[in-house]
């Protein structure tokens, strides 16, 4: 089989895996591109399952990348958030990708994955999203099936503590309307009614843009933060656009035509109220969103 055919068939799946492992759209694309450049001598007729083979190669390359980037993450200034991925950038639109579960497409799910160890992340994705059995996962990662079962159980316990449910369309639209109006008028009351008492707001400036170094905890403090930044006049200044990130509603703020911040939300376990607000301001994590052209909702 031609390598180009295999690339077109599996590119989106492998990029989806790499993005969830690494939390970076650009790094995921580069990793998959480099992977295929290394496969020109593979005898595909000797490969029993090309999909499993490519998933194994991608996952292990991601683990190697994460080992080398650990110190960079530890030295990161402030909170580290993954990049946001727009719909159409390798998302699991094809059910064959294995990411047809709506929650696995959400940004909140990607944030949650980053809190697992790299090995827990790999096992959890392979089992939960791609439905490999423990024997197959063990063969991919060089672990016993018993060990993989234990790792998955540990990862699932961590995930279930904060797992969210994707909201109904009407609820998501209500949130988007309330947030857009609040950003325009500075009246956050209707938006805050959709926020849980114990919600958290996390900003990621990476030391390159002014942001909150620590998470902002509780609805009361989130309200004070939003009202404060609105009063200063810069936080919401620009062109606010509705964008679908990973299948869910979010916002992209442009200044002088360039992405200045991306905003996304995490829902509670019922998919009824907001439990987290994520604000990415680090320009390095916004560069890939520069070509976004959704409809404008605020000038």
C-alpha atoms as a PDB file:
ATOM      1  CA  UNK A   1       0.000   0.000   0.000  1.00  0.00           C
ATOM      2  CA  UNK A   2       1.213   3.503  -0.841  1.00  0.00           C
ATOM      3  CA  UNK A   3       2.449   5.471   2.161  1.00  0.00           C
ATOM      4  CA  UNK A   4       0.486   8.518   1.027  1.00  0.00           C
ATOM      5  CA  UNK A   5      -2.732   6.477   1.127  1.00  0.00           C
ATOM      6  CA  UNK A   6      -1.979   5.322   4.649  1.00  0.00           C
ATOM      7  CA  UNK A   7      -1.151   8.895   5.673  1.00  0.00           C
ATOM      8  CA  UNK A   8      -4.471  10.233   4.376  1.00  0.00           C
ATOM      9  CA  UNK A   9      -6.373   7.400   6.052  1.00  0.00           C
ATOM     10  CA  UNK A  10      -4.858   7.742   9.523  1.00  0.00           C
ATOM     11  CA  UNK A  11      -3.529  11.298   9.752  1.00  0.00           C
ATOM     12  CA  UNK A  12      -6.522  12.720  11.628  1.00  0.00           C
ATOM     13  CA  UNK A  13      -6.685   9.845  14.073  1.00  0.00           C
ATOM     14  CA  UNK A  14      -2.977  10.042  14.899  1.00  0.00           C
ATOM     15  CA  UNK A  15      -3.065  13.827  15.247  1.00  0.00           C
ATOM     16  CA  UNK A  16      -6.064  13.488  17.584  1.00  0.00           C
ATOM     17  CA  UNK A  17      -4.118  11.066  19.779  1.00  0.00           C
ATOM     18  CA  UNK A  18      -0.982  13.228  19.749  1.00  0.00           C
ATOM     19  CA  UNK A  19      -2.936  16.396  20.551  1.00  0.00           C
ATOM     20  CA  UNK A  20      -4.574  14.812  23.581  1.00  0.00           C
ATOM     21  CA  UNK A  21      -1.255  13.419  24.747  1.00  0.00           C
ATOM     22  CA  UNK A  22       0.794  16.602  24.219  1.00  0.00           C
ATOM     23  CA  UNK A  23      -1.771  19.382  24.540  1.00  0.00           C
ATOM     24  CA  UNK A  24      -0.295  21.136  21.509  1.00  0.00           C
ATOM     25  CA  UNK A  25      -1.789  21.309  18.019  1.00  0.00           C
ATOM     26  CA  UNK A  26       1.507  22.245  16.377  1.00  0.00           C
ATOM     27  CA  UNK A  27       3.502  19.579  18.214  1.00  0.00           C
ATOM     28  CA  UNK A  28       0.899  16.954  17.328  1.00  0.00           C
ATOM     29  CA  UNK A  29       1.054  17.845  13.643  1.00  0.00           C
ATOM     30  CA  UNK A  30       4.858  17.861  13.656  1.00  0.00           C
ATOM     31  CA  UNK A  31       5.045  14.525  15.459  1.00  0.00           C
ATOM     32  CA  UNK A  32       2.727  12.788  12.994  1.00  0.00           C
ATOM     33  CA  UNK A  33       4.508  14.338  10.017  1.00  0.00           C
ATOM     34  CA  UNK A  34       7.898  13.184  11.318  1.00  0.00           C
ATOM     35  CA  UNK A  35       6.481   9.749  12.075  1.00  0.00           C
ATOM     36  CA  UNK A  36       5.433   9.231   8.475  1.00  0.00           C
ATOM     37  CA  UNK A  37       8.776  10.458   7.188  1.00  0.00           C
ATOM     38  CA  UNK A  38      10.349   7.620   9.184  1.00  0.00           C
ATOM     39  CA  UNK A  39       8.072   4.957   7.708  1.00  0.00           C
ATOM     40  CA  UNK A  40       9.276   4.933   4.111  1.00  0.00           C
ATOM     41  CA  UNK A  41      11.110   1.608   4.610  1.00  0.00           C
ATOM     42  CA  UNK A  42       8.337  -0.243   6.434  1.00  0.00           C
ATOM     43  CA  UNK A  43       7.148  -3.410   4.659  1.00  0.00           C
ATOM     44  CA  UNK A  44       3.413  -2.901   5.125  1.00  0.00           C
ATOM     45  CA  UNK A  45       2.652  -6.389   3.853  1.00  0.00           C
ATOM     46  CA  UNK A  46       4.372  -7.662   7.016  1.00  0.00           C
ATOM     47  CA  UNK A  47       2.245  -5.469   9.319  1.00  0.00           C
ATOM     48  CA  UNK A  48      -0.782  -7.385  10.620  1.00  0.00           C
ATOM     49  CA  UNK A  49      -2.742  -4.323  11.765  1.00  0.00           C
ATOM     50  CA  UNK A  50      -1.603  -1.017  10.298  1.00  0.00           C
ATOM     51  CA  UNK A  51      -3.929   1.032  12.511  1.00  0.00           C
ATOM     52  CA  UNK A  52      -2.649  -0.551  15.721  1.00  0.00           C
ATOM     53  CA  UNK A  53       0.925  -0.254  14.467  1.00  0.00           C
ATOM     54  CA  UNK A  54       0.564   3.475  13.797  1.00  0.00           C
ATOM     55  CA  UNK A  55      -1.254   4.115  17.072  1.00  0.00           C
ATOM     56  CA  UNK A  56       1.562   2.336  18.921  1.00  0.00           C
ATOM     57  CA  UNK A  57       4.239   4.371  17.134  1.00  0.00           C
ATOM     58  CA  UNK A  58       2.409   7.642  17.778  1.00  0.00           C
ATOM     59  CA  UNK A  59       1.741   6.929  21.447  1.00  0.00           C
ATOM     60  CA  UNK A  60       5.327   5.951  22.205  1.00  0.00           C
ATOM     61  CA  UNK A  61       6.688   8.984  20.382  1.00  0.00           C
ATOM     62  CA  UNK A  62       4.399  11.148  22.485  1.00  0.00           C
ATOM     63  CA  UNK A  63       5.718   9.525  25.663  1.00  0.00           C
ATOM     64  CA  UNK A  64       9.277  10.294  24.564  1.00  0.00           C
ATOM     65  CA  UNK A  65       8.381  13.923  23.846  1.00  0.00           C
ATOM     66  CA  UNK A  66       6.728  14.288  27.238  1.00  0.00           C
ATOM     67  CA  UNK A  67       9.826  12.966  28.989  1.00  0.00           C
ATOM     68  CA  UNK A  68      11.967  15.622  27.328  1.00  0.00           C
ATOM     69  CA  UNK A  69       9.470  18.441  27.952  1.00  0.00           C
ATOM     70  CA  UNK A  70       8.898  17.720  31.642  1.00  0.00           C
ATOM     71  CA  UNK A  71      11.398  20.308  32.842  1.00  0.00           C
ATOM     72  CA  UNK A  72       9.930  22.949  30.551  1.00  0.00           C
ATOM     73  CA  UNK A  73       6.496  22.359  32.061  1.00  0.00           C
ATOM     74  CA  UNK A  74       7.932  22.557  35.592  1.00  0.00           C
ATOM     75  CA  UNK A  75       9.606  25.902  34.787  1.00  0.00           C
ATOM     76  CA  UNK A  76       6.495  27.335  33.112  1.00  0.00           C
ATOM     77  CA  UNK A  77       5.346  30.642  34.581  1.00  0.00           C
ATOM     78  CA  UNK A  78       1.834  30.418  35.967  1.00  0.00           C
ATOM     79  CA  UNK A  79      -0.768  27.835  35.009  1.00  0.00           C
ATOM     80  CA  UNK A  80      -0.149  25.666  31.939  1.00  0.00           C
ATOM     81  CA  UNK A  81      -3.133  25.042  29.668  1.00  0.00           C
ATOM     82  CA  UNK A  82      -3.189  23.022  26.448  1.00  0.00           C
ATOM     83  CA  UNK A  83      -3.778  24.748  23.135  1.00  0.00           C
ATOM     84  CA  UNK A  84      -7.333  24.921  21.880  1.00  0.00           C
ATOM     85  CA  UNK A  85      -8.159  22.944  18.770  1.00  0.00           C
ATOM     86  CA  UNK A  86     -10.777  24.209  16.364  1.00  0.00           C
ATOM     87  CA  UNK A  87     -13.266  21.876  14.729  1.00  0.00           C
ATOM     88  CA  UNK A  88     -11.724  20.744  11.458  1.00  0.00           C
ATOM     89  CA  UNK A  89      -8.139  20.564  12.797  1.00  0.00           C
ATOM     90  CA  UNK A  90      -7.926  16.801  13.028  1.00  0.00           C
ATOM     91  CA  UNK A  91     -10.897  16.320  15.325  1.00  0.00           C
ATOM     92  CA  UNK A  92     -12.704  13.018  15.356  1.00  0.00           C
ATOM     93  CA  UNK A  93     -15.437  13.861  12.876  1.00  0.00           C
ATOM     94  CA  UNK A  94     -15.259  10.319  11.472  1.00  0.00           C
ATOM     95  CA  UNK A  95     -16.573   7.761  14.000  1.00  0.00           C
ATOM     96  CA  UNK A  96     -13.854   5.391  12.818  1.00  0.00           C
ATOM     97  CA  UNK A  97     -11.367   7.693  14.495  1.00  0.00           C
ATOM     98  CA  UNK A  98     -12.505   6.367  17.856  1.00  0.00           C
ATOM     99  CA  UNK A  99     -13.226   9.819  19.252  1.00  0.00           C
ATOM    100  CA  UNK A 100     -16.957   9.769  18.602  1.00  0.00           C
ATOM    101  CA  UNK A 101     -17.708  10.122  22.323  1.00  0.00           C
ATOM    102  CA  UNK A 102     -18.588  13.781  22.625  1.00  0.00           C
ATOM    103  CA  UNK A 103     -16.802  14.259  25.955  1.00  0.00           C
ATOM    104  CA  UNK A 104     -13.496  13.113  24.454  1.00  0.00           C
ATOM    105  CA  UNK A 105     -13.727  15.999  21.982  1.00  0.00           C
ATOM    106  CA  UNK A 106     -14.104  18.686  24.640  1.00  0.00           C
ATOM    107  CA  UNK A 107     -11.333  21.014  25.701  1.00  0.00           C
ATOM    108  CA  UNK A 108     -12.107  20.272  29.350  1.00  0.00           C
ATOM    109  CA  UNK A 109     -11.301  16.617  28.654  1.00  0.00           C
ATOM    110  CA  UNK A 110      -7.914  17.587  27.193  1.00  0.00           C
ATOM    111  CA  UNK A 111      -7.206  19.753  30.259  1.00  0.00           C
ATOM    112  CA  UNK A 112      -8.121  16.836  32.496  1.00  0.00           C
ATOM    113  CA  UNK A 113      -5.833  14.463  30.596  1.00  0.00           C
ATOM    114  CA  UNK A 114      -2.860  16.748  31.209  1.00  0.00           C
ATOM    115  CA  UNK A 115      -3.268  16.165  34.946  1.00  0.00           C
ATOM    116  CA  UNK A 116      -2.552  12.469  34.488  1.00  0.00           C
ATOM    117  CA  UNK A 117       0.970  11.149  34.239  1.00  0.00           C
ATOM    118  CA  UNK A 118       2.061  10.529  30.626  1.00  0.00           C
ATOM    119  CA  UNK A 119       1.704   6.754  31.037  1.00  0.00           C
ATOM    120  CA  UNK A 120      -1.727   7.085  32.666  1.00  0.00           C
ATOM    121  CA  UNK A 121      -2.740   9.396  29.828  1.00  0.00           C
ATOM    122  CA  UNK A 122      -1.647   6.891  27.196  1.00  0.00           C
ATOM    123  CA  UNK A 123      -3.377   3.916  28.805  1.00  0.00           C
ATOM    124  CA  UNK A 124      -6.547   5.904  29.477  1.00  0.00           C
ATOM    125  CA  UNK A 125      -6.791   7.140  25.882  1.00  0.00           C
ATOM    126  CA  UNK A 126      -6.079   3.752  24.356  1.00  0.00           C
ATOM    127  CA  UNK A 127      -8.702   2.077  26.531  1.00  0.00           C
ATOM    128  CA  UNK A 128     -11.371   4.752  26.974  1.00  0.00           C
ATOM    129  CA  UNK A 129     -11.360   6.499  23.604  1.00  0.00           C
ATOM    130  CA  UNK A 130      -9.973   3.857  21.252  1.00  0.00           C
ATOM    131  CA  UNK A 131     -11.313   0.751  23.010  1.00  0.00           C
ATOM    132  CA  UNK A 132      -8.172  -1.363  22.872  1.00  0.00           C
ATOM    133  CA  UNK A 133      -8.073  -4.253  25.336  1.00  0.00           C
ATOM    134  CA  UNK A 134      -5.423  -4.509  28.028  1.00  0.00           C
ATOM    135  CA  UNK A 135      -3.393  -7.089  26.130  1.00  0.00           C
ATOM    136  CA  UNK A 136      -3.179  -4.822  23.077  1.00  0.00           C
ATOM    137  CA  UNK A 137      -2.310  -1.792  25.216  1.00  0.00           C
ATOM    138  CA  UNK A 138       0.380  -3.780  26.991  1.00  0.00           C
ATOM    139  CA  UNK A 139       1.929  -4.807  23.685  1.00  0.00           C
ATOM    140  CA  UNK A 140       1.931  -1.186  22.519  1.00  0.00           C
ATOM    141  CA  UNK A 141       3.512   0.196  25.681  1.00  0.00           C
ATOM    142  CA  UNK A 142       5.741  -2.694  26.716  1.00  0.00           C
ATOM    143  CA  UNK A 143       3.715  -3.402  29.869  1.00  0.00           C
ATOM    144  CA  UNK A 144       1.817  -6.422  31.141  1.00  0.00           C
ATOM    145  CA  UNK A 145      -1.951  -6.472  30.703  1.00  0.00           C
ATOM    146  CA  UNK A 146      -2.287  -6.662  34.520  1.00  0.00           C
ATOM    147  CA  UNK A 147      -0.181  -3.525  34.903  1.00  0.00           C
ATOM    148  CA  UNK A 148      -2.198  -1.711  32.235  1.00  0.00           C
ATOM    149  CA  UNK A 149      -5.422  -2.640  34.019  1.00  0.00           C
ATOM    150  CA  UNK A 150      -4.101  -1.114  37.254  1.00  0.00           C
ATOM    151  CA  UNK A 151      -2.887   2.029  35.479  1.00  0.00           C
ATOM    152  CA  UNK A 152      -6.265   2.478  33.787  1.00  0.00           C
ATOM    153  CA  UNK A 153      -8.128   1.987  37.055  1.00  0.00           C
ATOM    154  CA  UNK A 154      -5.961   4.629  38.736  1.00  0.00           C
ATOM    155  CA  UNK A 155      -6.381   7.067  35.847  1.00  0.00           C
ATOM    156  CA  UNK A 156     -10.138   6.555  35.696  1.00  0.00           C
ATOM    157  CA  UNK A 157     -10.496   7.328  39.405  1.00  0.00           C
ATOM    158  CA  UNK A 158      -8.655  10.613  38.892  1.00  0.00           C
ATOM    159  CA  UNK A 159     -10.719  11.503  35.839  1.00  0.00           C
ATOM    160  CA  UNK A 160     -14.087  10.650  37.390  1.00  0.00           C
ATOM    161  CA  UNK A 161     -13.493  13.143  40.187  1.00  0.00           C
ATOM    162  CA  UNK A 162     -13.655  16.025  37.709  1.00  0.00           C
ATOM    163  CA  UNK A 163     -15.311  14.569  34.635  1.00  0.00           C
ATOM    164  CA  UNK A 164     -17.823  16.839  32.952  1.00  0.00           C
ATOM    165  CA  UNK A 165     -20.756  16.186  30.661  1.00  0.00           C
ATOM    166  CA  UNK A 166     -21.220  18.005  27.385  1.00  0.00           C
ATOM    167  CA  UNK A 167     -24.186  20.407  27.637  1.00  0.00           C
ATOM    168  CA  UNK A 168     -27.338  20.332  25.578  1.00  0.00           C
ATOM    169  CA  UNK A 169     -27.226  22.639  22.562  1.00  0.00           C
ATOM    170  CA  UNK A 170     -29.761  25.042  24.072  1.00  0.00           C
ATOM    171  CA  UNK A 171     -27.735  25.303  27.292  1.00  0.00           C
ATOM    172  CA  UNK A 172     -24.516  25.924  25.382  1.00  0.00           C
ATOM    173  CA  UNK A 173     -26.188  28.649  23.333  1.00  0.00           C
ATOM    174  CA  UNK A 174     -27.581  30.247  26.475  1.00  0.00           C
ATOM    175  CA  UNK A 175     -24.092  30.367  27.946  1.00  0.00           C
ATOM    176  CA  UNK A 176     -22.600  31.794  24.764  1.00  0.00           C
ATOM    177  CA  UNK A 177     -25.241  34.514  24.582  1.00  0.00           C
ATOM    178  CA  UNK A 178     -24.800  35.406  28.262  1.00  0.00           C
ATOM    179  CA  UNK A 179     -21.015  35.568  28.020  1.00  0.00           C
ATOM    180  CA  UNK A 180     -21.055  37.608  24.810  1.00  0.00           C
ATOM    181  CA  UNK A 181     -23.443  40.127  26.359  1.00  0.00           C
ATOM    182  CA  UNK A 182     -21.366  40.318  29.549  1.00  0.00           C
ATOM    183  CA  UNK A 183     -18.156  40.916  27.604  1.00  0.00           C
ATOM    184  CA  UNK A 184     -19.862  43.736  25.737  1.00  0.00           C
ATOM    185  CA  UNK A 185     -21.680  45.439  28.630  1.00  0.00           C
ATOM    186  CA  UNK A 186     -19.726  44.465  31.747  1.00  0.00           C
ATOM    187  CA  UNK A 187     -22.900  43.040  33.289  1.00  0.00           C
ATOM    188  CA  UNK A 188     -21.938  39.517  34.315  1.00  0.00           C
ATOM    189  CA  UNK A 189     -25.018  38.601  36.348  1.00  0.00           C
ATOM    190  CA  UNK A 190     -26.739  36.343  33.787  1.00  0.00           C
ATOM    191  CA  UNK A 191     -23.476  34.604  32.932  1.00  0.00           C
ATOM    192  CA  UNK A 192     -22.618  34.001  36.591  1.00  0.00           C
ATOM    193  CA  UNK A 193     -25.992  32.340  37.154  1.00  0.00           C
ATOM    194  CA  UNK A 194     -24.681  29.562  34.932  1.00  0.00           C
ATOM    195  CA  UNK A 195     -21.496  29.164  37.013  1.00  0.00           C
ATOM    196  CA  UNK A 196     -21.223  26.784  39.974  1.00  0.00           C
ATOM    197  CA  UNK A 197     -20.315  28.094  43.421  1.00  0.00           C
ATOM    198  CA  UNK A 198     -17.026  26.164  43.411  1.00  0.00           C
ATOM    199  CA  UNK A 199     -16.011  27.009  39.850  1.00  0.00           C
ATOM    200  CA  UNK A 200     -12.445  27.832  38.855  1.00  0.00           C
ATOM    201  CA  UNK A 201     -11.051  30.305  36.324  1.00  0.00           C
ATOM    202  CA  UNK A 202      -7.593  29.546  34.931  1.00  0.00           C
ATOM    203  CA  UNK A 203      -5.551  31.898  32.767  1.00  0.00           C
ATOM    204  CA  UNK A 204      -2.402  30.946  30.869  1.00  0.00           C
ATOM    205  CA  UNK A 205      -0.112  33.768  29.822  1.00  0.00           C
ATOM    206  CA  UNK A 206       3.105  31.762  29.950  1.00  0.00           C
ATOM    207  CA  UNK A 207       4.970  34.712  31.409  1.00  0.00           C
ATOM    208  CA  UNK A 208       4.585  36.534  28.077  1.00  0.00           C
ATOM    209  CA  UNK A 209       1.245  38.200  28.715  1.00  0.00           C
ATOM    210  CA  UNK A 210      -0.103  39.466  32.018  1.00  0.00           C
ATOM    211  CA  UNK A 211      -2.363  36.860  33.596  1.00  0.00           C
ATOM    212  CA  UNK A 212      -3.360  35.418  36.963  1.00  0.00           C
ATOM    213  CA  UNK A 213      -0.507  33.240  38.197  1.00  0.00           C
ATOM    214  CA  UNK A 214      -2.805  31.067  40.316  1.00  0.00           C
ATOM    215  CA  UNK A 215      -6.292  29.674  39.615  1.00  0.00           C
ATOM    216  CA  UNK A 216      -9.179  31.867  40.718  1.00  0.00           C
ATOM    217  CA  UNK A 217     -11.451  29.791  42.924  1.00  0.00           C
ATOM    218  CA  UNK A 218     -15.197  30.264  43.584  1.00  0.00           C
ATOM    219  CA  UNK A 219     -17.919  32.072  41.686  1.00  0.00           C
ATOM    220  CA  UNK A 220     -17.578  35.132  43.930  1.00  0.00           C
ATOM    221  CA  UNK A 221     -13.891  35.568  43.106  1.00  0.00           C
ATOM    222  CA  UNK A 222     -14.471  34.879  39.428  1.00  0.00           C
ATOM    223  CA  UNK A 223     -17.101  37.629  39.445  1.00  0.00           C
ATOM    224  CA  UNK A 224     -14.661  40.035  41.082  1.00  0.00           C
ATOM    225  CA  UNK A 225     -11.957  39.144  38.567  1.00  0.00           C
ATOM    226  CA  UNK A 226     -14.197  39.605  35.509  1.00  0.00           C
ATOM    227  CA  UNK A 227     -15.635  42.870  36.792  1.00  0.00           C
ATOM    228  CA  UNK A 228     -12.137  44.111  37.608  1.00  0.00           C
ATOM    229  CA  UNK A 229     -10.599  43.339  34.218  1.00  0.00           C
ATOM    230  CA  UNK A 230     -13.628  44.798  32.456  1.00  0.00           C
ATOM    231  CA  UNK A 231     -13.319  48.012  34.444  1.00  0.00           C
ATOM    232  CA  UNK A 232      -9.684  48.367  33.384  1.00  0.00           C
ATOM    233  CA  UNK A 233     -10.885  48.348  29.791  1.00  0.00           C
ATOM    234  CA  UNK A 234      -8.403  46.064  28.029  1.00  0.00           C
ATOM    235  CA  UNK A 235      -9.411  42.486  28.699  1.00  0.00           C
ATOM    236  CA  UNK A 236     -12.420  42.352  26.371  1.00  0.00           C
ATOM    237  CA  UNK A 237     -11.363  45.100  23.992  1.00  0.00           C
ATOM    238  CA  UNK A 238     -11.236  43.842  20.432  1.00  0.00           C
ATOM    239  CA  UNK A 239     -13.300  41.690  18.122  1.00  0.00           C
ATOM    240  CA  UNK A 240     -14.956  38.812  19.961  1.00  0.00           C
ATOM    241  CA  UNK A 241     -15.905  35.817  17.845  1.00  0.00           C
ATOM    242  CA  UNK A 242     -17.751  32.628  18.571  1.00  0.00           C
ATOM    243  CA  UNK A 243     -15.658  29.588  17.750  1.00  0.00           C
ATOM    244  CA  UNK A 244     -16.221  25.858  18.131  1.00  0.00           C
ATOM    245  CA  UNK A 245     -13.307  24.332  19.989  1.00  0.00           C
ATOM    246  CA  UNK A 246     -13.346  20.549  19.942  1.00  0.00           C
ATOM    247  CA  UNK A 247     -17.070  20.468  19.243  1.00  0.00           C
ATOM    248  CA  UNK A 248     -18.020  22.959  21.962  1.00  0.00           C
ATOM    249  CA  UNK A 249     -18.758  26.658  21.999  1.00  0.00           C
ATOM    250  CA  UNK A 250     -15.914  29.008  22.845  1.00  0.00           C
ATOM    251  CA  UNK A 251     -14.648  32.496  22.031  1.00  0.00           C
ATOM    252  CA  UNK A 252     -11.686  33.999  20.248  1.00  0.00           C
ATOM    253  CA  UNK A 253     -10.766  37.643  20.853  1.00  0.00           C
ATOM    254  CA  UNK A 254      -8.865  39.376  18.069  1.00  0.00           C
ATOM    255  CA  UNK A 255      -6.842  42.574  18.416  1.00  0.00           C
ATOM    256  CA  UNK A 256      -5.585  44.186  15.239  1.00  0.00           C
ATOM    257  CA  UNK A 257      -6.690  41.052  13.420  1.00  0.00           C
ATOM    258  CA  UNK A 258      -4.533  38.732  15.553  1.00  0.00           C
ATOM    259  CA  UNK A 259      -5.691  36.265  18.231  1.00  0.00           C
ATOM    260  CA  UNK A 260      -5.209  37.807  21.675  1.00  0.00           C
ATOM    261  CA  UNK A 261      -7.045  35.291  23.840  1.00  0.00           C
ATOM    262  CA  UNK A 262      -9.130  32.147  23.542  1.00  0.00           C
ATOM    263  CA  UNK A 263     -11.835  31.322  26.066  1.00  0.00           C
ATOM    264  CA  UNK A 264     -13.448  27.953  26.662  1.00  0.00           C
ATOM    265  CA  UNK A 265     -15.531  26.321  29.392  1.00  0.00           C
ATOM    266  CA  UNK A 266     -15.753  23.127  31.394  1.00  0.00           C
ATOM    267  CA  UNK A 267     -19.174  21.868  32.498  1.00  0.00           C
ATOM    268  CA  UNK A 268     -20.350  20.059  35.596  1.00  0.00           C
ATOM    269  CA  UNK A 269     -21.183  16.352  35.733  1.00  0.00           C
ATOM    270  CA  UNK A 270     -24.730  17.039  34.496  1.00  0.00           C
ATOM    271  CA  UNK A 271     -23.786  19.362  31.678  1.00  0.00           C
ATOM    272  CA  UNK A 272     -25.963  22.105  33.165  1.00  0.00           C
ATOM    273  CA  UNK A 273     -23.584  24.687  34.670  1.00  0.00           C
ATOM    274  CA  UNK A 274     -20.047  25.939  34.169  1.00  0.00           C
ATOM    275  CA  UNK A 275     -17.446  24.489  36.506  1.00  0.00           C
ATOM    276  CA  UNK A 276     -14.364  25.955  34.829  1.00  0.00           C
ATOM    277  CA  UNK A 277     -13.417  28.911  32.653  1.00  0.00           C
ATOM    278  CA  UNK A 278     -10.194  28.545  30.671  1.00  0.00           C
ATOM    279  CA  UNK A 279      -8.481  31.604  29.197  1.00  0.00           C
ATOM    280  CA  UNK A 280      -5.438  31.093  26.971  1.00  0.00           C
ATOM    281  CA  UNK A 281      -3.417  34.281  26.445  1.00  0.00           C
ATOM    282  CA  UNK A 282       0.054  32.930  25.667  1.00  0.00           C
ATOM    283  CA  UNK A 283       0.641  34.132  22.078  1.00  0.00           C
ATOM    284  CA  UNK A 284       2.603  30.967  21.280  1.00  0.00           C
ATOM    285  CA  UNK A 285      -0.557  28.951  21.924  1.00  0.00           C
ATOM    286  CA  UNK A 286      -2.768  31.204  19.797  1.00  0.00           C
ATOM    287  CA  UNK A 287      -0.692  31.437  16.639  1.00  0.00           C
ATOM    288  CA  UNK A 288      -2.380  28.459  14.959  1.00  0.00           C
ATOM    289  CA  UNK A 289      -5.792  30.147  15.377  1.00  0.00           C
ATOM    290  CA  UNK A 290      -4.841  33.135  13.236  1.00  0.00           C
ATOM    291  CA  UNK A 291      -6.813  31.972  10.200  1.00  0.00           C
ATOM    292  CA  UNK A 292     -10.094  31.543  12.056  1.00  0.00           C
ATOM    293  CA  UNK A 293     -13.001  33.267  10.281  1.00  0.00           C
ATOM    294  CA  UNK A 294     -16.195  32.708  12.307  1.00  0.00           C
ATOM    295  CA  UNK A 295     -18.915  35.305  12.595  1.00  0.00           C
ATOM    296  CA  UNK A 296     -18.266  38.475  14.566  1.00  0.00           C
ATOM    297  CA  UNK A 297     -20.435  39.121  17.608  1.00  0.00           C
ATOM    298  CA  UNK A 298     -18.697  42.106  19.184  1.00  0.00           C
ATOM    299  CA  UNK A 299     -16.663  45.039  17.934  1.00  0.00           C
END
